[in-house]
Protein backbone atom coordinates (compact mmCIF):
# COMPACT_ATOMS: atom_id res chain seq x y z
CA MET A 1 190.20 52.18 80.35
CA THR A 2 192.97 51.77 82.74
CA ILE A 3 193.01 48.67 84.71
CA GLU A 4 195.31 48.03 87.19
CA SER A 5 194.50 44.35 88.51
CA PRO A 6 195.94 40.82 87.82
CA GLU A 7 195.28 39.15 84.50
CA ILE A 8 193.73 35.66 84.42
CA GLN A 9 194.80 34.33 80.52
CA SER A 10 192.79 31.99 79.33
CA ALA A 11 194.91 31.00 76.06
CA SER A 12 192.48 28.19 74.80
CA THR A 13 189.66 30.41 74.74
CA GLY A 14 191.45 33.56 73.32
CA ARG A 15 190.32 35.67 76.00
CA VAL A 16 191.82 37.67 78.90
CA ARG A 17 189.46 37.86 82.53
CA VAL A 18 190.50 41.25 84.27
CA ALA A 19 189.60 41.64 88.24
CA LEU A 20 187.39 44.96 87.73
CA ALA A 21 188.49 47.72 89.88
CA GLU A 22 187.35 48.02 93.88
CA ASP A 23 186.68 51.35 94.67
CA ASP A 24 185.06 53.35 97.68
CA TRP A 25 182.58 56.13 97.04
CA THR A 26 181.30 56.61 100.62
CA THR A 27 181.47 60.48 99.60
CA THR A 28 179.13 60.63 96.86
CA LEU A 29 176.59 59.23 98.94
CA GLN A 30 176.43 62.07 101.20
CA GLN A 31 174.81 64.19 98.07
CA ARG A 32 171.03 64.18 97.90
CA HIS A 33 169.58 61.05 96.22
CA TRP A 34 166.37 59.18 95.75
CA TYR A 35 166.83 55.03 96.99
CA ARG A 36 164.93 52.16 96.64
CA CYS A 37 166.17 48.80 97.58
CA TRP A 38 164.84 44.85 97.68
CA ALA A 39 166.66 41.88 99.16
CA TRP A 40 166.02 38.36 98.27
CA ARG A 41 166.77 35.58 100.73
CA SER A 42 166.64 32.89 98.65
CA ALA A 43 167.30 33.52 94.98
CA GLY A 44 166.23 31.80 92.27
CA SER A 45 166.20 32.35 88.26
CA GLU A 46 162.96 34.21 88.21
CA VAL A 47 164.66 36.74 90.49
CA ALA A 48 166.20 38.36 87.32
CA GLY A 49 162.65 38.87 85.76
CA ILE A 50 161.31 40.36 89.26
CA ALA A 51 164.10 42.64 89.88
CA ARG A 52 163.57 43.90 86.35
CA GLY A 53 160.12 44.76 86.79
CA LEU A 54 160.91 46.55 90.15
CA ALA A 55 163.95 48.73 88.18
CA ALA A 56 160.91 49.41 85.52
CA GLU A 57 158.18 50.52 88.08
CA THR A 58 160.95 52.52 90.10
CA LEU A 59 162.29 54.73 86.70
CA ALA A 60 158.48 54.97 85.95
CA ASP A 61 157.85 56.51 89.36
CA TRP A 62 160.68 59.00 89.29
CA ARG A 63 159.61 59.80 85.68
CA LEU A 64 163.15 58.06 84.09
CA GLY A 65 161.45 56.15 81.18
CA PRO A 66 163.93 57.07 78.91
CA MET A 67 166.43 54.76 80.89
CA SER A 68 164.35 52.25 81.00
CA ASP A 69 165.56 49.54 78.55
CA ASP A 70 169.72 50.33 79.45
CA VAL A 71 168.52 50.00 83.32
CA LYS A 72 166.60 46.74 83.42
CA LEU A 73 169.49 45.47 80.56
CA CYS A 74 171.83 46.57 83.60
CA VAL A 75 169.81 44.67 86.33
CA SER A 76 169.57 41.57 84.38
CA GLU A 77 173.19 41.17 83.74
CA LEU A 78 174.16 41.76 87.11
CA VAL A 79 171.74 40.16 88.94
CA GLY A 80 172.31 37.22 86.36
CA ASN A 81 175.99 37.42 87.43
CA ALA A 82 175.22 37.19 91.35
CA LEU A 83 172.86 34.12 90.62
CA LEU A 84 175.65 32.26 88.50
CA HIS A 85 178.73 33.48 90.17
CA GLY A 86 177.79 35.39 94.01
CA GLN A 87 177.65 32.61 96.02
CA SER A 88 179.96 32.42 98.85
CA ASP A 89 180.04 28.73 98.64
CA PRO A 90 177.70 27.00 95.77
CA ALA A 91 177.75 24.00 97.14
CA SER A 92 176.48 24.68 100.61
CA HIS A 93 172.35 24.28 100.88
CA ASP A 94 172.67 28.01 103.02
CA ALA A 95 174.84 29.17 100.25
CA TRP A 96 172.63 32.66 100.14
CA SER A 97 172.87 33.44 103.79
CA THR A 98 173.89 37.08 102.67
CA PRO A 99 171.32 37.84 100.59
CA LEU A 100 171.41 38.72 96.84
CA SER A 101 170.18 42.60 96.82
CA LEU A 102 169.16 44.99 94.11
CA GLY A 103 169.17 48.76 94.61
CA LEU A 104 168.77 51.76 92.83
CA ARG A 105 169.82 55.36 93.25
CA TYR A 106 169.06 58.39 91.86
CA PHE A 107 170.75 61.88 92.44
CA PRO A 108 168.69 63.86 90.56
CA SER A 109 169.88 65.47 86.97
CA THR A 110 173.30 63.69 87.61
CA CYS A 111 173.07 59.80 86.94
CA LEU A 112 171.27 56.72 88.09
CA MET A 113 173.45 53.70 89.86
CA VAL A 114 172.44 50.37 90.08
CA GLU A 115 173.97 48.22 92.42
CA VAL A 116 173.72 44.31 93.05
CA GLY A 117 175.14 42.68 96.26
CA ASP A 118 175.39 38.90 96.69
CA SER A 119 177.51 36.47 99.12
CA SER A 120 180.62 36.14 97.19
CA VAL A 121 183.97 38.45 98.06
CA ALA A 122 185.42 37.23 94.56
CA PRO A 123 186.05 40.14 92.66
CA PRO A 124 183.84 40.55 89.07
CA LEU A 125 186.07 39.62 85.89
CA TRP A 126 186.10 41.34 83.07
CA THR A 127 186.55 39.98 79.70
CA TRP A 128 189.05 41.26 77.00
CA LEU A 129 188.97 39.14 73.72
CA ASP A 130 191.74 38.68 71.41
CA PRO A 131 191.36 40.65 68.39
CA GLU A 132 192.33 37.53 66.34
CA ILE A 133 189.64 34.97 68.05
CA ASP A 134 185.69 35.03 66.93
CA PRO A 135 183.94 36.80 69.79
CA GLY A 136 181.16 34.16 69.39
CA GLU A 137 183.35 31.35 69.63
CA ALA A 138 185.39 32.72 72.99
CA LEU A 139 181.95 33.98 74.50
CA PHE A 140 179.66 31.17 74.27
CA ALA A 141 179.52 30.35 77.71
CA ASP A 142 180.43 33.10 79.94
CA GLY A 143 182.03 36.55 80.05
CA ARG A 144 179.24 38.89 77.89
CA GLY A 145 177.68 40.25 81.32
CA LEU A 146 180.29 42.73 82.28
CA MET A 147 181.11 43.12 78.28
CA ILE A 148 177.66 44.53 77.95
CA LEU A 149 177.53 46.83 80.78
CA ARG A 150 181.16 48.04 80.07
CA GLU A 151 179.42 49.22 76.45
CA ILE A 152 175.76 50.48 78.15
CA ALA A 153 177.03 52.05 81.83
CA ASP A 154 179.46 54.90 82.00
CA ARG A 155 181.27 53.36 84.93
CA VAL A 156 181.21 49.91 86.84
CA TRP A 157 183.05 49.03 90.02
CA TRP A 158 182.48 46.87 92.91
CA ARG A 159 183.01 46.81 96.73
CA CYS A 160 183.91 43.96 98.76
CA HIS A 161 181.89 43.88 102.09
CA PRO A 162 184.49 41.55 104.07
CA GLY A 163 183.07 38.18 105.58
CA ALA A 164 179.40 39.91 104.07
CA GLY A 165 180.12 39.55 100.43
CA LYS A 166 180.49 42.55 97.58
CA THR A 167 178.23 44.70 95.84
CA VAL A 168 178.97 45.88 92.19
CA TYR A 169 177.82 48.91 90.70
CA ALA A 170 176.79 50.27 87.30
CA ARG A 171 176.40 54.33 86.58
CA LEU A 172 174.49 55.71 84.37
CA ASP A 173 174.83 59.31 83.72
CA THR A 174 171.06 60.91 83.16
CA PRO A 175 172.07 64.00 81.14
CA ARG A 176 172.76 61.08 77.90
CA TYR A 177 168.93 60.28 77.92
CA PHE A 178 167.17 63.61 78.19
CA GLU A 179 167.42 66.31 75.61
CA ALA A 180 167.96 69.50 76.87
CA PRO A 181 165.20 72.35 75.78
CA VAL A 182 166.69 74.74 73.02
CA CYS A 183 166.65 78.17 74.62
CA GLY A 184 163.10 79.79 74.82
CA GLU A 185 161.37 76.03 74.73
CA HIS A 186 159.46 75.24 77.64
CA ALA A 187 160.37 71.40 78.89
């Protein structure tokens, strides 16, 4: 994976933090797709569980059950990151003036996209571990979420909305979750 961004070195923890690549995918949105979204003006820790439940219900409605575990994990990690790092001003009483949002987009037979928006314009940071360091020690506090997404999702990126926060996207390609019928068999 090529990352074109400045690195943030943390020698004491044996890890490098790299800004996630920003991308513009407006042409993709012109394709036919199904979409559901939710927004929370006041976001507490219970939102992650609610978001996972909404994602599971949506996948059941769209008959994408085999994707459910991976999508719920993506939703958990992205919503958790938004709750932890996504406030524009954590000291402000009105830090969530831009809502926390969750969107699911299904492009039939191609992919499902999970998107989570928050009020911060700061880029999400990948964590890259020094191979000489024990991952358990280097990741005790943070840095695991996007590493998990990197393993589950086929692509992860973000988009800044100046003055209105950002959205982080995870794409899961649907063909890898469904076995193609053998010639002569009916699906």
